[in-house]
Amino acid sequence: MGIYPNPSVNELKLDFTKIDHRKNWTISVIDTQGRVIQQQIIYPHQTFIKLDVSQLKPGSYLVSANELGGETKLSERFVKE
């Protein structure tokens, strides 16, 4: 999973070209306290998505990607400026 730009101000772009595109995935943005701030489903054959991070407070966050109904498969940290 690729994340850019990092750090980000308003929009975060996620590159999912290397995941199994036959399945649904749940994308979660998690703060440093472990709280899920945002969640979104990626449907089969989606390879890029955009997340609006403009409302997040500045700081460090984790983006995790889970197969729907499965365990975390991918995670990346990003900084919100």
N, C-alpha and C. Protein backbone atom coordinates (compact mmCIF):
# COMPACT_ATOMS: atom_id res chain seq x y z
N MET A 1 0.86 -1.17 0.00
CA MET A 1 0.00 0.00 0.00
C MET A 1 0.90 1.22 0.00
N GLY A 2 0.64 2.14 -0.89
CA GLY A 2 1.38 3.39 -0.92
C GLY A 2 0.50 4.53 -0.45
N ILE A 3 1.09 5.45 0.30
CA ILE A 3 0.37 6.62 0.81
C ILE A 3 1.13 7.87 0.40
N TYR A 4 0.42 8.83 -0.17
CA TYR A 4 1.06 10.09 -0.54
C TYR A 4 0.00 11.19 -0.64
N PRO A 5 0.33 12.43 -0.48
CA PRO A 5 1.61 12.91 0.05
C PRO A 5 1.70 12.62 1.55
N ASN A 6 2.89 12.47 2.02
CA ASN A 6 3.10 12.22 3.43
C ASN A 6 4.31 13.03 3.88
N PRO A 7 4.11 14.08 4.64
CA PRO A 7 2.90 14.49 5.35
C PRO A 7 1.83 15.05 4.40
N SER A 8 0.59 15.08 4.93
CA SER A 8 -0.56 15.52 4.15
C SER A 8 -1.29 16.65 4.87
N VAL A 9 -1.97 17.49 4.09
CA VAL A 9 -2.73 18.60 4.68
C VAL A 9 -4.23 18.36 4.52
N ASN A 10 -4.70 18.14 3.30
CA ASN A 10 -6.13 18.01 3.04
C ASN A 10 -6.57 16.66 2.52
N GLU A 11 -5.75 16.06 1.67
CA GLU A 11 -6.16 14.84 1.00
C GLU A 11 -5.01 13.83 1.01
N LEU A 12 -5.36 12.59 1.29
CA LEU A 12 -4.39 11.51 1.31
C LEU A 12 -4.77 10.53 0.20
N LYS A 13 -3.82 10.19 -0.63
CA LYS A 13 -4.07 9.24 -1.72
C LYS A 13 -3.47 7.90 -1.35
N LEU A 14 -4.25 6.84 -1.55
CA LEU A 14 -3.83 5.49 -1.21
C LEU A 14 -3.74 4.66 -2.48
N ASP A 15 -2.63 3.99 -2.65
CA ASP A 15 -2.38 3.15 -3.82
C ASP A 15 -2.50 1.68 -3.40
N PHE A 16 -3.48 1.00 -3.97
CA PHE A 16 -3.73 -0.40 -3.64
C PHE A 16 -3.52 -1.32 -4.83
N THR A 17 -2.58 -0.99 -5.69
CA THR A 17 -2.35 -1.80 -6.88
C THR A 17 -1.77 -3.17 -6.55
N LYS A 18 -1.24 -3.36 -5.34
CA LYS A 18 -0.60 -4.62 -4.99
C LYS A 18 -1.42 -5.51 -4.06
N ILE A 19 -2.71 -5.20 -3.88
CA ILE A 19 -3.56 -6.04 -3.04
C ILE A 19 -4.41 -6.96 -3.91
N ASP A 20 -5.07 -7.92 -3.29
CA ASP A 20 -5.96 -8.84 -3.98
C ASP A 20 -7.24 -8.09 -4.35
N HIS A 21 -7.41 -7.83 -5.62
CA HIS A 21 -8.53 -6.99 -6.08
C HIS A 21 -9.83 -7.75 -6.27
N ARG A 22 -9.86 -9.02 -5.89
CA ARG A 22 -11.09 -9.79 -5.99
C ARG A 22 -11.91 -9.70 -4.72
N LYS A 23 -11.40 -9.02 -3.70
CA LYS A 23 -12.05 -8.98 -2.40
C LYS A 23 -12.35 -7.53 -1.99
N ASN A 24 -13.29 -7.39 -1.05
CA ASN A 24 -13.56 -6.10 -0.44
C ASN A 24 -12.57 -5.90 0.71
N TRP A 25 -12.14 -4.66 0.90
CA TRP A 25 -11.23 -4.30 1.97
C TRP A 25 -11.82 -3.15 2.77
N THR A 26 -11.53 -3.12 4.06
CA THR A 26 -11.91 -2.00 4.91
C THR A 26 -10.66 -1.19 5.19
N ILE A 27 -10.74 0.12 4.94
CA ILE A 27 -9.64 1.03 5.22
C ILE A 27 -10.01 1.83 6.47
N SER A 28 -9.13 1.86 7.45
CA SER A 28 -9.36 2.60 8.69
C SER A 28 -8.25 3.58 8.93
N VAL A 29 -8.62 4.78 9.39
CA VAL A 29 -7.65 5.77 9.86
C VAL A 29 -7.75 5.74 11.38
N ILE A 30 -6.61 5.49 12.03
CA ILE A 30 -6.57 5.28 13.47
C ILE A 30 -5.63 6.31 14.10
N ASP A 31 -6.09 6.94 15.19
CA ASP A 31 -5.24 7.94 15.86
C ASP A 31 -4.27 7.27 16.81
N THR A 32 -3.45 8.06 17.48
CA THR A 32 -2.41 7.51 18.37
C THR A 32 -3.00 6.87 19.63
N GLN A 33 -4.28 7.11 19.91
CA GLN A 33 -4.95 6.50 21.05
C GLN A 33 -5.62 5.17 20.68
N GLY A 34 -5.52 4.80 19.37
CA GLY A 34 -6.12 3.56 18.91
C GLY A 34 -7.57 3.68 18.49
N ARG A 35 -8.08 4.92 18.42
CA ARG A 35 -9.47 5.14 18.02
C ARG A 35 -9.58 5.19 16.50
N VAL A 36 -10.59 4.54 15.96
CA VAL A 36 -10.86 4.60 14.53
C VAL A 36 -11.54 5.94 14.24
N ILE A 37 -10.88 6.77 13.44
CA ILE A 37 -11.37 8.11 13.12
C ILE A 37 -12.21 8.10 11.84
N GLN A 38 -11.78 7.33 10.87
CA GLN A 38 -12.49 7.21 9.59
C GLN A 38 -12.44 5.76 9.16
N GLN A 39 -13.48 5.37 8.40
CA GLN A 39 -13.48 4.02 7.85
C GLN A 39 -14.15 4.06 6.49
N GLN A 40 -13.64 3.25 5.57
CA GLN A 40 -14.15 3.23 4.21
C GLN A 40 -13.95 1.83 3.64
N ILE A 41 -14.87 1.41 2.79
CA ILE A 41 -14.73 0.10 2.13
C ILE A 41 -14.19 0.31 0.73
N ILE A 42 -13.23 -0.54 0.36
CA ILE A 42 -12.72 -0.56 -1.01
C ILE A 42 -13.32 -1.80 -1.67
N TYR A 43 -13.95 -1.58 -2.78
CA TYR A 43 -14.61 -2.67 -3.50
C TYR A 43 -13.65 -3.29 -4.52
N PRO A 44 -13.96 -4.51 -4.98
CA PRO A 44 -13.07 -5.16 -5.94
C PRO A 44 -12.72 -4.25 -7.12
N HIS A 45 -11.48 -4.32 -7.51
CA HIS A 45 -10.92 -3.62 -8.67
C HIS A 45 -10.66 -2.13 -8.45
N GLN A 46 -10.86 -1.61 -7.23
CA GLN A 46 -10.43 -0.24 -6.94
C GLN A 46 -8.94 -0.30 -6.63
N THR A 47 -8.17 0.53 -7.28
CA THR A 47 -6.73 0.51 -7.06
C THR A 47 -6.21 1.78 -6.39
N PHE A 48 -6.94 2.87 -6.51
CA PHE A 48 -6.56 4.14 -5.88
C PHE A 48 -7.79 4.73 -5.20
N ILE A 49 -7.60 5.26 -3.99
CA ILE A 49 -8.68 6.00 -3.35
C ILE A 49 -8.10 7.27 -2.74
N LYS A 50 -8.98 8.22 -2.50
CA LYS A 50 -8.61 9.47 -1.85
C LYS A 50 -9.36 9.56 -0.54
N LEU A 51 -8.64 9.96 0.51
CA LEU A 51 -9.24 10.18 1.81
C LEU A 51 -9.15 11.65 2.15
N ASP A 52 -10.26 12.22 2.58
CA ASP A 52 -10.27 13.61 3.05
C ASP A 52 -9.76 13.62 4.48
N VAL A 53 -8.59 14.21 4.70
CA VAL A 53 -8.02 14.29 6.04
C VAL A 53 -8.00 15.73 6.56
N SER A 54 -8.71 16.60 5.87
CA SER A 54 -8.67 18.03 6.22
C SER A 54 -9.22 18.30 7.62
N GLN A 55 -10.13 17.45 8.11
CA GLN A 55 -10.74 17.67 9.43
C GLN A 55 -9.93 17.06 10.58
N LEU A 56 -8.90 16.30 10.25
CA LEU A 56 -8.08 15.69 11.30
C LEU A 56 -7.18 16.73 11.96
N LYS A 57 -6.94 16.55 13.23
CA LYS A 57 -6.00 17.41 13.94
C LYS A 57 -4.59 17.04 13.50
N PRO A 58 -3.66 18.01 13.49
CA PRO A 58 -2.27 17.68 13.15
C PRO A 58 -1.73 16.59 14.07
N GLY A 59 -0.97 15.68 13.49
CA GLY A 59 -0.38 14.60 14.27
C GLY A 59 -0.12 13.38 13.43
N SER A 60 0.19 12.29 14.10
CA SER A 60 0.51 11.03 13.44
C SER A 60 -0.71 10.11 13.47
N TYR A 61 -0.94 9.42 12.37
CA TYR A 61 -2.07 8.49 12.23
C TYR A 61 -1.60 7.23 11.54
N LEU A 62 -2.41 6.18 11.69
CA LEU A 62 -2.16 4.91 11.03
C LEU A 62 -3.31 4.63 10.08
N VAL A 63 -2.97 4.20 8.87
CA VAL A 63 -3.98 3.71 7.93
C VAL A 63 -3.80 2.20 7.87
N SER A 64 -4.87 1.46 8.17
CA SER A 64 -4.80 0.01 8.08
C SER A 64 -5.79 -0.49 7.05
N ALA A 65 -5.41 -1.53 6.34
CA ALA A 65 -6.26 -2.15 5.34
C ALA A 65 -6.49 -3.59 5.74
N ASN A 66 -7.76 -3.96 5.90
CA ASN A 66 -8.13 -5.32 6.29
C ASN A 66 -9.03 -5.92 5.23
N GLU A 67 -8.81 -7.19 4.93
CA GLU A 67 -9.79 -7.90 4.11
C GLU A 67 -11.09 -7.88 4.90
N LEU A 68 -12.19 -7.62 4.24
CA LEU A 68 -13.47 -7.58 4.94
C LEU A 68 -13.68 -8.90 5.67
N GLY A 69 -13.82 -8.83 6.98
CA GLY A 69 -13.97 -10.03 7.80
C GLY A 69 -12.67 -10.71 8.14
N GLY A 70 -11.53 -10.12 7.76
CA GLY A 70 -10.24 -10.75 8.02
C GLY A 70 -9.37 -9.91 8.94
N GLU A 71 -8.13 -10.32 9.09
CA GLU A 71 -7.18 -9.60 9.92
C GLU A 71 -6.50 -8.48 9.14
N THR A 72 -5.82 -7.58 9.87
CA THR A 72 -5.09 -6.51 9.21
C THR A 72 -4.03 -7.10 8.29
N LYS A 73 -3.99 -6.63 7.09
CA LYS A 73 -3.01 -7.12 6.12
C LYS A 73 -1.93 -6.08 5.84
N LEU A 74 -2.33 -4.81 5.83
CA LEU A 74 -1.40 -3.73 5.50
C LEU A 74 -1.62 -2.57 6.46
N SER A 75 -0.54 -1.87 6.78
CA SER A 75 -0.69 -0.64 7.57
C SER A 75 0.48 0.29 7.27
N GLU A 76 0.17 1.57 7.31
CA GLU A 76 1.17 2.62 7.05
C GLU A 76 0.86 3.81 7.95
N ARG A 77 1.91 4.46 8.40
CA ARG A 77 1.74 5.69 9.19
C ARG A 77 1.79 6.89 8.26
N PHE A 78 1.05 7.94 8.64
CA PHE A 78 1.16 9.21 7.92
C PHE A 78 1.04 10.34 8.92
N VAL A 79 1.50 11.50 8.51
CA VAL A 79 1.47 12.69 9.35
C VAL A 79 0.51 13.69 8.73
N LYS A 80 -0.41 14.20 9.56
CA LYS A 80 -1.32 15.27 9.15
C LYS A 80 -0.73 16.57 9.63
N GLU A 81 -0.50 17.48 8.70
CA GLU A 81 0.06 18.80 9.08
C GLU A 81 -1.05 19.80 9.30
